[in-house]
Amino acid sequence: MIQPADFLTLVLILLSAIVAGRLLAPYIVKIFTHAPSRLDRFLDPVEKAIYRLLGVAPSHGMGWREYFLSALIVNIFQMILAFIIFVFQGGLPLNPQGFPGFSLDLAFMQVISFGTNTNLQHYNGEGVCNQLPNCYPLNNTPGLSYLSQMTAVQFLQFTSATTGICVAAAMIRGFVANSRDMGNFYTDFVRSLTRLFLPLCLIAALIFVGLGVPQTLNGYRIVSTLEGSTQTILVGPVASLVSIMQLGTNGGGYYGANSAYPFQNPNPASDIFQIFLMLLIPTALCFVYGQMLGKKKEARPILWGAYSLFAIDLLIAFIPNYTLSRGMEARFGGFFSTFWTVVTTAVTTGSVNSSLFGNHPLVILSAFMGMLIQSSPGGKGVGVMYMVMYVVITVFIVGLMSGRTPEYLGMKINARDVKLVMLTFLVHPVIILVPTVLAYATGAASAIGVSTGSTGFTQIFYEFTSAAANNGSDFLGATGNTPFFNISTALVMLSGRFIPIGLLLALAGSMMNRRRTSEIGLRTDSATFTIVLVGSILLLVVLTFFPFLALGPILEFFQKRVNGF
């Protein structure tokens, strides 16, 4: 069980994230409402030049279809550019290690992974270098050149994070009374980059450099150890990648070991700072929701519900004794390894600071819950969208139970609204369970050495759950670099990202200009509604996925209990 000192540390980190999110929220609202800012005199000329270069009219308001298609087209175009870089990196500059290009299926998978804010990695970014200047691949997987890391990986991490927060703002506008449109995607996209992610990531990167994370374009170095052997020092533009990877809830990492690698996460201070960054924007967006609506109290069920679900995840994870086990990072201890795993899946970041194999089955069960719910508090942008989806479902269920017409924010919830939210919810069971079954039916799981027992099922089920939730943490790593897993996870990530976004934008679009009543209906800003909301979410998720969780981490837990572990 959790120790008092560790509990105090946990509470302080969460309180810091909530307070910082509350302070950041008004600034984010100004970005999306175009409120006057002191930065306007510096950034307005830059942003206007970008609009002229793109040939877009920043004042043009978009409906949900145009907004969604604009986001989709921009992201696909960016993925195509990254695909070219990945395939041809062997002949491009800034490749002092001489890494070859990716295979077509691996490049296809990775551009979709980074473009959908998932960052699932079937490669080891640093490669293996026993001799310089040329390196050789690990598990038939090449590393990434500095050019690929900066112009493909980090570039897509910025743009995918920006897309997520933009579509969330567009959805919120649909629920605002008297809203005429959902905004302009290009304007939201540019302003989010220039005014939010770039400044915050610059500050975060400088802090990481101060904490000992490398940031250099020099090649790898071979040094002699005290024992007389040699060791390769794997450096690169790491601090800049870690800043956007955690702040944008991207996940992934410069190294195959991710934030368990000493250069990416050198000490407890950097570990705590990365946890804080993961929580910051998803928490801030809970407050943004109420402020953009003009009804701050409506943020209560969003924030309270998200952190109540998060508390349940923590409770599940900390039931077992979190003493160090094989695969846990000794520099941080069992507490921070467990806490990180819960956070990284609750906010759909997917980075890890220890091997998932070293975690207790109940910790993995908690990770599943975070990825299946996706709003505890979820990734930046999409987490709020999913929580609103759950609110609409809960309002509908309560309306059925009380015999009243369901309504939210004074608007009647009609049959089309219910169909849209239920379709959104059902997307993930389909895209998770179908490829999980196919992995065994086609022999793809056994081909990479995954067992047929509960442990092996957990690994495969986790792979597709992580892909569908756009999370990115996984058990397979570079061993998943096969045509089946590359293509299947790519399709799951693409579907898990854009189908729910399109459906929820359609829901918000149907809310615009809808008649609002002044009657006092169901209060959705109360503690009672929050309890019902949390119960509804847990009931939906448990009923949908419990049989598969029972075959995986739950069965593995009882097997270890029987065997005395």
Protein backbone atom coordinates (compact mmCIF):
# COMPACT_ATOMS: atom_id res chain seq x y z
CA MET A 1 0.00 0.00 0.00
CA ILE A 2 1.01 3.61 -0.49
CA GLN A 3 3.18 5.14 2.23
CA PRO A 4 2.27 8.51 3.90
CA ALA A 5 5.25 10.33 2.38
CA ASP A 6 4.45 8.99 -1.07
CA PHE A 7 0.78 9.92 -0.64
CA LEU A 8 1.79 13.48 0.24
CA THR A 9 4.01 13.64 -2.86
CA LEU A 10 1.15 12.39 -5.02
CA VAL A 11 -1.29 14.94 -3.60
CA LEU A 12 1.17 17.82 -4.06
CA ILE A 13 1.80 16.89 -7.71
CA LEU A 14 -1.92 16.64 -8.47
CA LEU A 15 -2.73 19.87 -6.65
CA SER A 16 0.07 21.63 -8.52
CA ALA A 17 -1.35 20.41 -11.84
CA ILE A 18 -4.90 21.51 -10.92
CA VAL A 19 -3.78 24.96 -9.71
CA ALA A 20 -1.53 25.48 -12.73
CA GLY A 21 -4.30 24.29 -15.04
CA ARG A 22 -6.73 26.73 -13.46
CA LEU A 23 -4.25 29.58 -13.96
CA LEU A 24 -3.51 28.57 -17.57
CA ALA A 25 -7.17 28.18 -18.56
CA PRO A 26 -8.01 31.91 -19.02
CA TYR A 27 -5.02 32.30 -21.33
CA ILE A 28 -6.17 29.36 -23.46
CA VAL A 29 -9.67 30.85 -23.60
CA LYS A 30 -8.18 34.12 -24.89
CA ILE A 31 -6.44 32.21 -27.67
CA PHE A 32 -9.70 30.67 -28.93
CA THR A 33 -11.93 33.71 -28.32
CA HIS A 34 -9.42 36.13 -29.90
CA ALA A 35 -9.46 38.31 -26.80
CA PRO A 36 -6.87 41.11 -26.72
CA SER A 37 -3.47 40.05 -25.41
CA ARG A 38 -0.13 41.72 -24.74
CA LEU A 39 1.39 39.29 -27.24
CA ASP A 40 -0.72 40.64 -30.11
CA ARG A 41 1.77 43.33 -31.13
CA PHE A 42 4.46 40.67 -31.57
CA LEU A 43 2.49 37.69 -32.87
CA ASP A 44 -0.25 39.30 -34.98
CA PRO A 45 2.16 40.23 -37.82
CA VAL A 46 3.65 36.71 -37.79
CA GLU A 47 0.24 35.03 -37.83
CA LYS A 48 -1.09 37.29 -40.59
CA ALA A 49 1.94 36.45 -42.72
CA ILE A 50 1.21 32.75 -42.22
CA TYR A 51 -2.42 33.24 -43.25
CA ARG A 52 -1.34 35.04 -46.41
CA LEU A 53 1.15 32.29 -47.19
CA LEU A 54 -1.54 29.64 -46.74
CA GLY A 55 -4.11 31.66 -48.65
CA VAL A 56 -6.79 31.37 -45.97
CA ALA A 57 -9.25 33.92 -44.63
CA PRO A 58 -8.83 33.88 -40.84
CA SER A 59 -12.25 35.43 -40.21
CA HIS A 60 -14.13 32.76 -42.20
CA GLY A 61 -16.38 30.74 -39.91
CA MET A 62 -16.69 27.00 -40.54
CA GLY A 63 -19.42 24.47 -39.96
CA TRP A 64 -18.54 21.13 -38.42
CA ARG A 65 -17.98 19.39 -41.77
CA GLU A 66 -15.61 22.03 -43.10
CA TYR A 67 -13.76 22.21 -39.79
CA PHE A 68 -13.31 18.45 -39.64
CA LEU A 69 -12.23 18.11 -43.28
CA SER A 70 -9.75 20.97 -42.86
CA ALA A 71 -8.19 19.23 -39.85
CA LEU A 72 -8.12 15.88 -41.65
CA ILE A 73 -6.55 17.23 -44.85
CA VAL A 74 -3.89 19.23 -43.01
CA ASN A 75 -2.92 16.20 -40.92
CA ILE A 76 -2.79 13.85 -43.93
CA PHE A 77 -0.56 16.30 -45.82
CA GLN A 78 1.81 16.47 -42.84
CA MET A 79 1.91 12.67 -42.61
CA ILE A 80 2.89 12.44 -46.28
CA LEU A 81 5.85 14.77 -45.70
CA ALA A 82 6.96 12.74 -42.67
CA PHE A 83 6.57 9.49 -44.63
CA ILE A 84 9.02 10.74 -47.26
CA ILE A 85 11.54 11.73 -44.58
CA PHE A 86 11.31 8.34 -42.82
CA VAL A 87 11.74 6.33 -46.02
CA PHE A 88 14.64 8.37 -47.42
CA GLN A 89 16.41 9.42 -44.19
CA GLY A 90 19.47 7.36 -45.19
CA GLY A 91 20.27 9.85 -47.96
CA LEU A 92 19.24 13.01 -46.11
CA PRO A 93 21.45 15.30 -43.98
CA LEU A 94 21.75 15.37 -40.18
CA ASN A 95 22.33 11.62 -40.06
CA PRO A 96 25.78 11.26 -38.47
CA GLN A 97 25.01 7.69 -37.40
CA GLY A 98 24.21 6.63 -40.97
CA PHE A 99 20.80 5.14 -40.17
CA PRO A 100 19.02 3.64 -43.22
CA GLY A 101 15.45 4.54 -44.13
CA PHE A 102 12.39 2.76 -42.74
CA SER A 103 10.58 0.02 -44.64
CA LEU A 104 7.33 1.12 -46.25
CA ASP A 105 5.07 -0.61 -43.74
CA LEU A 106 7.03 0.71 -40.75
CA ALA A 107 7.09 4.25 -42.19
CA PHE A 108 3.32 4.02 -42.85
CA MET A 109 2.69 2.94 -39.28
CA GLN A 110 4.95 5.55 -37.70
CA VAL A 111 3.63 8.58 -39.58
CA ILE A 112 0.08 7.65 -38.58
CA SER A 113 1.28 7.01 -35.04
CA PHE A 114 2.83 10.46 -34.67
CA GLY A 115 0.18 12.19 -36.78
CA THR A 116 -2.65 10.87 -34.57
CA ASN A 117 -0.96 11.88 -31.29
CA THR A 118 -0.39 8.20 -30.45
CA ASN A 119 3.38 7.81 -30.75
CA LEU A 120 3.32 4.03 -30.63
CA GLN A 121 6.86 3.01 -31.60
CA HIS A 122 7.88 -0.17 -33.39
CA TYR A 123 11.48 0.99 -33.56
CA ASN A 124 14.28 2.07 -31.21
CA GLY A 125 15.01 5.71 -31.89
CA GLU A 126 18.65 5.61 -30.83
CA GLY A 127 19.50 2.44 -32.80
CA VAL A 128 22.54 0.40 -31.75
CA CYS A 129 26.00 1.78 -32.29
CA ASN A 130 28.97 -0.42 -31.49
CA GLN A 131 31.04 1.41 -34.07
CA LEU A 132 30.98 4.85 -35.62
CA PRO A 133 30.10 6.46 -37.94
CA ASN A 134 27.76 3.67 -39.08
CA CYS A 135 25.24 1.92 -36.83
CA TYR A 136 23.27 -1.24 -37.34
CA PRO A 137 19.60 -1.89 -36.61
CA LEU A 138 18.21 -3.64 -33.55
CA ASN A 139 15.57 -6.32 -34.26
CA ASN A 140 15.75 -5.33 -37.93
CA THR A 141 14.63 -1.84 -36.94
CA PRO A 142 16.73 1.21 -37.86
CA GLY A 143 17.11 4.18 -35.58
CA LEU A 144 16.07 7.71 -36.45
CA SER A 145 18.38 10.41 -37.75
CA TYR A 146 18.45 13.84 -36.14
CA LEU A 147 16.56 15.20 -39.15
CA SER A 148 13.81 12.60 -38.72
CA GLN A 149 13.60 13.24 -34.99
CA MET A 150 13.23 17.00 -35.46
CA THR A 151 11.32 17.43 -38.74
CA ALA A 152 9.12 14.34 -38.68
CA VAL A 153 8.68 13.21 -35.09
CA GLN A 154 8.74 16.53 -33.23
CA PHE A 155 6.94 18.32 -36.06
CA LEU A 156 4.04 15.84 -35.96
CA GLN A 157 4.00 15.92 -32.18
CA PHE A 158 3.40 19.67 -32.30
CA THR A 159 0.76 19.52 -35.03
CA SER A 160 -1.14 16.50 -33.64
CA ALA A 161 -1.28 18.09 -30.18
CA THR A 162 -2.46 21.33 -31.74
CA THR A 163 -5.14 19.52 -33.73
CA GLY A 164 -6.45 17.89 -30.55
CA ILE A 165 -6.88 21.14 -28.67
CA CYS A 166 -8.39 22.86 -31.74
CA VAL A 167 -11.14 20.28 -32.30
CA ALA A 168 -11.98 20.44 -28.59
CA ALA A 169 -12.38 24.23 -28.83
CA ALA A 170 -14.55 23.79 -31.93
CA MET A 171 -16.78 21.29 -30.14
CA ILE A 172 -17.18 23.62 -27.15
CA ARG A 173 -18.22 26.45 -29.51
CA GLY A 174 -21.03 24.25 -30.76
CA PHE A 175 -22.47 24.12 -27.22
CA VAL A 176 -22.14 27.88 -26.65
CA ALA A 177 -25.46 29.71 -26.74
CA ASN A 178 -26.06 31.72 -29.92
CA SER A 179 -22.92 30.38 -31.60
CA ARG A 180 -22.92 30.94 -35.35
CA ASP A 181 -20.12 28.64 -36.37
CA MET A 182 -17.36 26.42 -34.99
CA GLY A 183 -14.52 28.84 -35.72
CA ASN A 184 -11.78 28.58 -38.30
CA PHE A 185 -9.46 25.58 -38.07
CA TYR A 186 -6.50 27.32 -39.67
CA THR A 187 -6.76 30.28 -37.30
CA ASP A 188 -7.11 28.03 -34.27
CA PHE A 189 -4.23 25.87 -35.48
CA VAL A 190 -1.80 28.75 -36.00
CA ARG A 191 -2.72 30.57 -32.79
CA SER A 192 -2.40 27.38 -30.71
CA LEU A 193 1.08 26.79 -32.09
CA THR A 194 2.41 30.34 -31.77
CA ARG A 195 0.76 31.29 -28.49
CA LEU A 196 0.58 28.04 -26.52
CA PHE A 197 2.72 25.07 -27.53
CA LEU A 198 5.84 26.79 -28.87
CA PRO A 199 6.31 29.16 -25.89
CA LEU A 200 5.53 26.51 -23.27
CA CYS A 201 7.76 23.92 -24.94
CA LEU A 202 10.63 26.39 -25.17
CA ILE A 203 10.40 27.01 -21.42
CA ALA A 204 10.05 23.29 -20.69
CA ALA A 205 13.02 22.38 -22.92
CA LEU A 206 15.26 24.88 -21.13
CA ILE A 207 14.20 23.40 -17.77
CA PHE A 208 14.99 19.91 -19.04
CA VAL A 209 18.44 21.02 -20.19
CA GLY A 210 19.02 22.45 -16.72
CA LEU A 211 17.99 19.10 -15.24
CA GLY A 212 20.56 17.25 -17.35
CA VAL A 213 18.65 16.19 -20.48
CA PRO A 214 20.90 16.52 -23.59
CA GLN A 215 20.11 18.85 -26.49
CA THR A 216 22.74 18.65 -29.21
CA LEU A 217 23.25 17.89 -32.91
CA ASN A 218 26.67 16.33 -32.36
CA GLY A 219 27.01 12.66 -33.27
CA TYR A 220 27.25 9.78 -30.81
CA ARG A 221 30.55 9.43 -28.96
CA ILE A 222 32.48 6.32 -27.95
CA VAL A 223 34.30 6.68 -24.62
CA SER A 224 36.51 4.38 -22.57
CA THR A 225 35.20 3.23 -19.22
CA LEU A 226 37.21 2.74 -16.03
CA GLU A 227 37.20 -1.01 -16.69
CA GLY A 228 38.93 -0.43 -20.04
CA SER A 229 35.93 -1.27 -22.23
CA THR A 230 34.12 1.16 -24.53
CA GLN A 231 30.66 2.70 -24.28
CA THR A 232 28.63 4.68 -26.79
CA ILE A 233 27.14 7.91 -25.43
CA LEU A 234 23.77 8.30 -27.19
CA VAL A 235 22.85 11.97 -27.34
CA GLY A 236 20.85 14.21 -29.66
CA PRO A 237 18.01 16.78 -29.61
CA VAL A 238 16.36 15.06 -26.65
CA ALA A 239 15.16 17.95 -24.42
CA SER A 240 13.09 19.57 -27.17
CA LEU A 241 11.40 16.25 -27.96
CA VAL A 242 10.63 15.45 -24.32
CA SER A 243 9.02 18.86 -23.78
CA ILE A 244 6.42 18.49 -26.56
CA MET A 245 6.04 14.76 -26.02
CA GLN A 246 4.84 15.30 -22.43
CA LEU A 247 3.18 18.71 -22.74
CA GLY A 248 1.25 17.61 -25.83
CA THR A 249 0.40 14.20 -24.28
CA ASN A 250 2.18 12.63 -27.24
CA GLY A 251 4.26 9.95 -25.56
CA GLY A 252 6.93 8.01 -27.36
CA GLY A 253 10.49 8.97 -26.76
CA TYR A 254 13.92 9.57 -28.23
CA TYR A 255 15.15 6.24 -26.85
CA GLY A 256 13.65 2.79 -27.06
CA ALA A 257 13.59 2.64 -23.25
CA ASN A 258 11.71 5.94 -23.26
CA SER A 259 11.79 7.90 -19.99
CA ALA A 260 13.43 4.95 -18.22
CA TYR A 261 16.60 5.92 -20.12
CA PRO A 262 18.91 8.05 -17.92
CA PHE A 263 19.50 10.74 -20.56
CA GLN A 264 15.78 11.28 -21.20
CA ASN A 265 14.85 11.22 -17.52
CA PRO A 266 18.02 11.69 -15.46
CA ASN A 267 16.72 12.23 -11.92
CA PRO A 268 13.60 12.39 -9.67
CA ALA A 269 13.18 16.12 -10.40
CA SER A 270 12.89 15.48 -14.15
CA ASP A 271 10.53 12.58 -13.41
CA ILE A 272 8.17 14.78 -11.38
CA PHE A 273 8.36 17.58 -13.95
CA GLN A 274 7.37 15.22 -16.76
CA ILE A 275 4.38 13.95 -14.75
CA PHE A 276 3.34 17.56 -14.14
CA LEU A 277 3.58 18.41 -17.85
CA MET A 278 1.43 15.41 -18.79
CA LEU A 279 -1.35 16.57 -16.48
CA LEU A 280 -1.18 20.30 -17.20
CA ILE A 281 -3.14 20.92 -20.42
CA PRO A 282 -5.76 18.14 -20.01
CA THR A 283 -6.54 19.61 -16.58
CA ALA A 284 -6.60 23.18 -17.91
CA LEU A 285 -9.10 22.21 -20.61
CA CYS A 286 -11.58 21.10 -17.96
CA PHE A 287 -11.68 24.72 -16.78
CA VAL A 288 -11.62 26.03 -20.36
CA TYR A 289 -14.85 24.15 -21.07
CA GLY A 290 -16.82 26.06 -18.44
CA GLN A 291 -15.22 29.41 -19.23
CA MET A 292 -15.88 29.20 -22.98
CA LEU A 293 -19.50 28.19 -22.30
CA GLY A 294 -19.89 31.20 -20.03
CA LYS A 295 -21.04 28.78 -17.31
CA LYS A 296 -18.07 28.03 -15.11
CA LYS A 297 -20.10 25.69 -12.91
CA GLU A 298 -20.49 23.31 -15.87
CA ALA A 299 -16.78 22.59 -15.56
CA ARG A 300 -17.42 20.91 -12.21
CA PRO A 301 -18.63 17.50 -13.47
CA ILE A 302 -15.91 17.54 -16.14
CA LEU A 303 -13.10 18.17 -13.64
CA TRP A 304 -14.55 16.30 -10.66
CA GLY A 305 -15.54 13.36 -12.83
CA ALA A 306 -12.13 13.17 -14.48
CA TYR A 307 -10.21 13.21 -11.21
CA SER A 308 -12.67 10.85 -9.50
CA LEU A 309 -11.98 8.31 -12.24
CA PHE A 310 -8.28 9.05 -11.88
CA ALA A 311 -8.52 8.39 -8.13
CA ILE A 312 -10.15 5.03 -8.83
CA ASP A 313 -7.29 4.17 -11.21
CA LEU A 314 -4.79 5.07 -8.49
CA LEU A 315 -6.67 2.98 -5.93
CA ILE A 316 -6.55 -0.08 -8.19
CA ALA A 317 -2.86 0.45 -8.96
CA PHE A 318 -1.77 0.93 -5.36
CA ILE A 319 -3.65 -2.06 -3.91
CA PRO A 320 -0.55 -4.28 -4.29
CA ASN A 321 2.77 -3.58 -2.65
CA TYR A 322 4.74 -1.51 -5.14
CA THR A 323 8.20 -2.66 -4.09
CA LEU A 324 10.78 -2.83 -6.86
CA SER A 325 10.49 -5.73 -9.25
CA ARG A 326 12.20 -6.76 -12.46
CA GLY A 327 11.91 -3.99 -15.04
CA MET A 328 11.25 -1.13 -12.60
CA GLU A 329 13.62 1.80 -12.62
CA ALA A 330 15.62 1.79 -9.37
CA ARG A 331 16.36 5.53 -9.62
CA PHE A 332 12.67 6.35 -9.07
CA GLY A 333 11.42 3.38 -7.07
CA GLY A 334 8.19 1.43 -7.19
CA PHE A 335 5.97 4.37 -6.22
CA PHE A 336 6.98 6.62 -9.11
CA SER A 337 6.99 3.72 -11.56
CA THR A 338 3.40 2.91 -10.60
CA PHE A 339 2.27 6.54 -10.42
CA TRP A 340 3.77 7.29 -13.84
CA THR A 341 2.01 4.29 -15.42
CA VAL A 342 -1.36 5.48 -14.09
CA VAL A 343 -0.80 9.07 -15.22
CA THR A 344 0.53 8.24 -18.67
CA THR A 345 -2.53 6.11 -19.48
CA ALA A 346 -5.08 8.37 -17.77
CA VAL A 347 -4.02 11.30 -19.97
CA THR A 348 -3.29 9.05 -22.99
CA THR A 349 0.34 10.11 -23.20
CA GLY A 350 1.90 6.66 -23.40
CA SER A 351 5.43 7.43 -22.28
CA VAL A 352 6.91 5.07 -19.68
CA ASN A 353 9.60 5.39 -17.02
CA SER A 354 9.87 1.63 -16.41
CA SER A 355 9.18 -1.59 -18.24
CA LEU A 356 5.49 -2.55 -18.32
CA PHE A 357 6.63 -6.14 -17.75
CA GLY A 358 7.83 -5.09 -14.29
CA ASN A 359 4.43 -3.79 -13.18
CA HIS A 360 1.89 -5.71 -11.13
CA PRO A 361 -1.19 -7.00 -13.07
CA LEU A 362 -3.42 -4.60 -11.12
CA VAL A 363 -1.27 -1.68 -12.29
CA ILE A 364 -1.77 -2.89 -15.86
CA LEU A 365 -5.51 -3.18 -15.16
CA SER A 366 -5.48 0.45 -14.01
CA ALA A 367 -3.66 1.38 -17.22
CA PHE A 368 -6.35 -0.38 -19.24
CA MET A 369 -9.06 1.57 -17.41
CA GLY A 370 -7.40 4.88 -18.22
CA MET A 371 -7.12 4.02 -21.92
CA LEU A 372 -10.61 2.55 -22.23
CA ILE A 373 -12.30 5.51 -20.51
CA GLN A 374 -10.09 8.16 -22.18
CA SER A 375 -11.34 11.01 -20.03
CA SER A 376 -9.66 10.66 -16.66
CA PRO A 377 -8.80 13.41 -17.63
CA GLY A 378 -7.79 12.05 -21.05
CA GLY A 379 -5.54 13.55 -23.70
CA LYS A 380 -5.46 17.24 -24.37
CA GLY A 381 -8.63 18.14 -26.23
CA VAL A 382 -10.00 14.68 -26.87
CA GLY A 383 -10.37 13.97 -23.13
CA VAL A 384 -12.83 16.85 -22.74
CA MET A 385 -14.68 15.75 -25.88
CA TYR A 386 -15.12 12.24 -24.48
CA MET A 387 -16.27 13.56 -21.12
CA VAL A 388 -18.96 15.65 -22.85
CA MET A 389 -19.97 12.49 -24.71
CA TYR A 390 -20.36 10.68 -21.40
CA VAL A 391 -22.36 13.62 -20.00
CA VAL A 392 -24.84 13.39 -22.89
CA ILE A 393 -25.14 9.60 -22.42
CA THR A 394 -25.70 10.06 -18.68
CA VAL A 395 -28.32 12.76 -19.23
CA PHE A 396 -30.12 10.43 -21.62
CA ILE A 397 -30.01 7.52 -19.13
CA VAL A 398 -31.27 9.72 -16.27
CA GLY A 399 -34.03 11.02 -18.53
CA LEU A 400 -35.16 7.47 -19.29
CA MET A 401 -35.14 6.55 -15.62
CA SER A 402 -37.10 9.64 -14.53
CA GLY A 403 -39.51 9.67 -17.47
CA ARG A 404 -38.47 13.18 -18.53
CA THR A 405 -37.17 14.45 -21.83
CA PRO A 406 -33.35 14.55 -21.48
CA GLU A 407 -31.75 17.96 -21.83
CA TYR A 408 -28.33 19.48 -21.40
CA LEU A 409 -27.51 23.18 -21.06
CA GLY A 410 -31.18 23.92 -21.67
CA MET A 411 -31.22 22.00 -24.98
CA LYS A 412 -33.35 18.94 -25.61
CA ILE A 413 -31.33 15.83 -26.43
CA ASN A 414 -32.87 14.20 -29.49
CA ALA A 415 -32.53 10.77 -31.10
CA ARG A 416 -29.79 11.90 -33.49
CA ASP A 417 -27.66 13.14 -30.59
CA VAL A 418 -27.96 9.80 -28.81
CA LYS A 419 -27.06 7.90 -31.99
CA LEU A 420 -23.93 10.03 -32.49
CA VAL A 421 -22.64 9.55 -28.94
CA MET A 422 -23.38 5.82 -28.95
CA LEU A 423 -21.62 5.39 -32.31
CA THR A 424 -18.64 7.26 -30.87
CA PHE A 425 -18.56 4.98 -27.84
CA LEU A 426 -18.87 1.80 -29.92
CA VAL A 427 -16.00 2.68 -32.26
CA HIS A 428 -13.37 1.58 -29.78
CA PRO A 429 -14.70 -1.87 -28.88
CA VAL A 430 -14.80 -2.72 -32.58
CA ILE A 431 -11.34 -1.47 -33.51
CA ILE A 432 -9.78 -3.03 -30.38
CA LEU A 433 -11.39 -6.45 -30.28
CA VAL A 434 -11.43 -7.32 -34.00
CA PRO A 435 -7.66 -6.93 -34.58
CA THR A 436 -6.93 -8.64 -31.23
CA VAL A 437 -8.78 -11.72 -32.47
CA LEU A 438 -7.11 -11.48 -35.89
CA ALA A 439 -3.66 -11.37 -34.29
CA TYR A 440 -4.25 -14.86 -32.92
CA ALA A 441 -6.32 -16.19 -35.82
CA THR A 442 -3.62 -15.31 -38.37
CA GLY A 443 -0.71 -16.50 -36.22
CA ALA A 444 0.77 -12.98 -36.09
CA ALA A 445 0.97 -13.08 -32.27
CA SER A 446 2.82 -16.40 -32.11
CA ALA A 447 5.15 -15.27 -34.94
CA ILE A 448 6.69 -12.67 -32.61
CA GLY A 449 6.88 -15.04 -29.66
CA VAL A 450 3.76 -13.94 -27.74
CA SER A 451 2.33 -16.74 -25.62
CA THR A 452 -1.28 -17.91 -25.74
CA GLY A 453 -1.79 -17.53 -21.98
CA SER A 454 -3.15 -14.60 -20.00
CA THR A 455 0.19 -12.74 -20.15
CA GLY A 456 0.37 -13.01 -23.93
CA PHE A 457 -3.28 -12.01 -24.32
CA THR A 458 -2.64 -8.95 -22.13
CA GLN A 459 0.21 -7.88 -24.41
CA ILE A 460 -1.84 -8.12 -27.62
CA PHE A 461 -5.00 -6.66 -26.09
CA TYR A 462 -2.89 -3.82 -24.65
CA GLU A 463 -1.29 -3.15 -28.05
CA PHE A 464 -4.60 -2.47 -29.78
CA THR A 465 -6.16 -0.74 -26.77
CA SER A 466 -3.21 1.66 -26.70
CA ALA A 467 -3.48 2.21 -30.46
CA ALA A 468 -7.24 2.84 -30.36
CA ALA A 469 -6.92 5.24 -27.43
CA ASN A 470 -4.06 7.06 -29.20
CA ASN A 471 -1.95 6.33 -26.13
CA GLY A 472 1.23 4.72 -27.42
CA SER A 473 2.54 2.69 -24.48
CA ASP A 474 2.94 -0.99 -25.31
CA PHE A 475 4.60 -4.27 -24.45
CA LEU A 476 5.85 -5.14 -27.95
CA GLY A 477 8.12 -2.22 -28.82
CA ALA A 478 10.46 -3.04 -31.73
CA THR A 479 9.32 -6.67 -31.77
CA GLY A 480 6.05 -5.38 -33.22
CA ASN A 481 7.86 -4.35 -36.39
CA THR A 482 6.08 -6.84 -38.64
CA PRO A 483 3.76 -6.10 -41.59
CA PHE A 484 0.70 -7.35 -39.67
CA PHE A 485 1.23 -5.24 -36.54
CA ASN A 486 2.47 -2.19 -38.46
CA ILE A 487 -0.54 -2.08 -40.78
CA SER A 488 -3.17 -3.17 -38.26
CA THR A 489 -2.11 -0.74 -35.54
CA ALA A 490 -1.87 2.06 -38.13
CA LEU A 491 -5.47 1.50 -39.21
CA VAL A 492 -6.63 1.26 -35.59
CA MET A 493 -4.85 4.51 -34.67
CA LEU A 494 -6.30 6.35 -37.67
CA SER A 495 -9.82 5.12 -36.92
CA GLY A 496 -9.50 5.73 -33.19
CA ARG A 497 -8.42 9.30 -33.79
CA PHE A 498 -10.57 10.73 -36.55
CA ILE A 499 -13.85 8.77 -36.45
CA PRO A 500 -14.69 9.87 -32.86
CA ILE A 501 -13.55 13.44 -33.62
CA GLY A 502 -15.79 13.59 -36.68
CA LEU A 503 -18.81 12.18 -34.82
CA LEU A 504 -18.40 14.50 -31.83
CA LEU A 505 -17.96 17.54 -34.06
CA ALA A 506 -21.18 16.48 -35.79
CA LEU A 507 -22.84 16.38 -32.35
CA ALA A 508 -21.62 19.89 -31.57
CA GLY A 509 -22.70 21.08 -35.02
CA SER A 510 -26.25 19.87 -34.37
CA MET A 511 -26.30 21.87 -31.12
CA MET A 512 -25.67 25.22 -32.80
CA ASN A 513 -28.70 27.53 -32.84
CA ARG A 514 -30.79 24.89 -31.07
CA ARG A 515 -33.63 26.35 -29.05
CA ARG A 516 -32.85 26.63 -25.35
CA THR A 517 -35.45 26.53 -22.64
CA SER A 518 -35.46 28.58 -19.48
CA GLU A 519 -37.03 25.77 -17.50
CA ILE A 520 -35.02 24.33 -14.64
CA GLY A 521 -34.24 20.78 -15.69
CA LEU A 522 -31.62 18.32 -14.55
CA ARG A 523 -28.75 20.07 -12.79
CA THR A 524 -25.52 18.96 -14.42
CA ASP A 525 -23.22 21.06 -12.25
CA SER A 526 -23.86 19.30 -8.95
CA ALA A 527 -21.93 16.72 -6.97
CA THR A 528 -24.87 14.33 -7.30
CA PHE A 529 -24.72 14.44 -11.09
CA THR A 530 -20.95 13.90 -10.95
CA ILE A 531 -21.46 10.71 -8.94
CA VAL A 532 -24.05 9.48 -11.45
CA LEU A 533 -21.71 10.44 -14.30
CA VAL A 534 -18.78 8.49 -12.86
CA GLY A 535 -21.02 5.50 -12.18
CA SER A 536 -22.36 5.56 -15.74
CA ILE A 537 -18.87 5.69 -17.22
CA LEU A 538 -17.63 2.78 -15.13
CA LEU A 539 -20.75 0.76 -15.90
CA LEU A 540 -20.42 1.30 -19.65
CA VAL A 541 -16.72 0.45 -19.74
CA VAL A 542 -16.97 -2.54 -17.41
CA LEU A 543 -19.92 -4.08 -19.27
CA THR A 544 -18.17 -3.63 -22.60
CA PHE A 545 -14.66 -4.79 -21.80
CA PHE A 546 -14.83 -6.88 -18.61
CA PRO A 547 -14.72 -10.30 -20.35
CA PHE A 548 -11.50 -9.31 -22.11
CA LEU A 549 -9.97 -7.75 -19.00
CA ALA A 550 -10.85 -10.97 -17.18
CA LEU A 551 -8.90 -12.99 -19.74
CA GLY A 552 -5.89 -10.69 -19.40
CA PRO A 553 -4.69 -8.76 -16.33
CA ILE A 554 -7.40 -10.03 -13.95
CA LEU A 555 -6.66 -13.69 -14.72
CA GLU A 556 -2.93 -12.96 -14.54
CA PHE A 557 -3.44 -11.42 -11.10
CA PHE A 558 -5.16 -14.53 -9.72
CA GLN A 559 -2.59 -16.81 -11.33
CA LYS A 560 0.17 -14.93 -9.53
CA ARG A 561 -1.76 -15.08 -6.27
CA VAL A 562 -2.07 -18.85 -6.61
CA ASN A 563 1.65 -19.15 -7.40
CA GLY A 564 2.57 -17.03 -4.40
CA PHE A 565 3.67 -13.85 -6.21
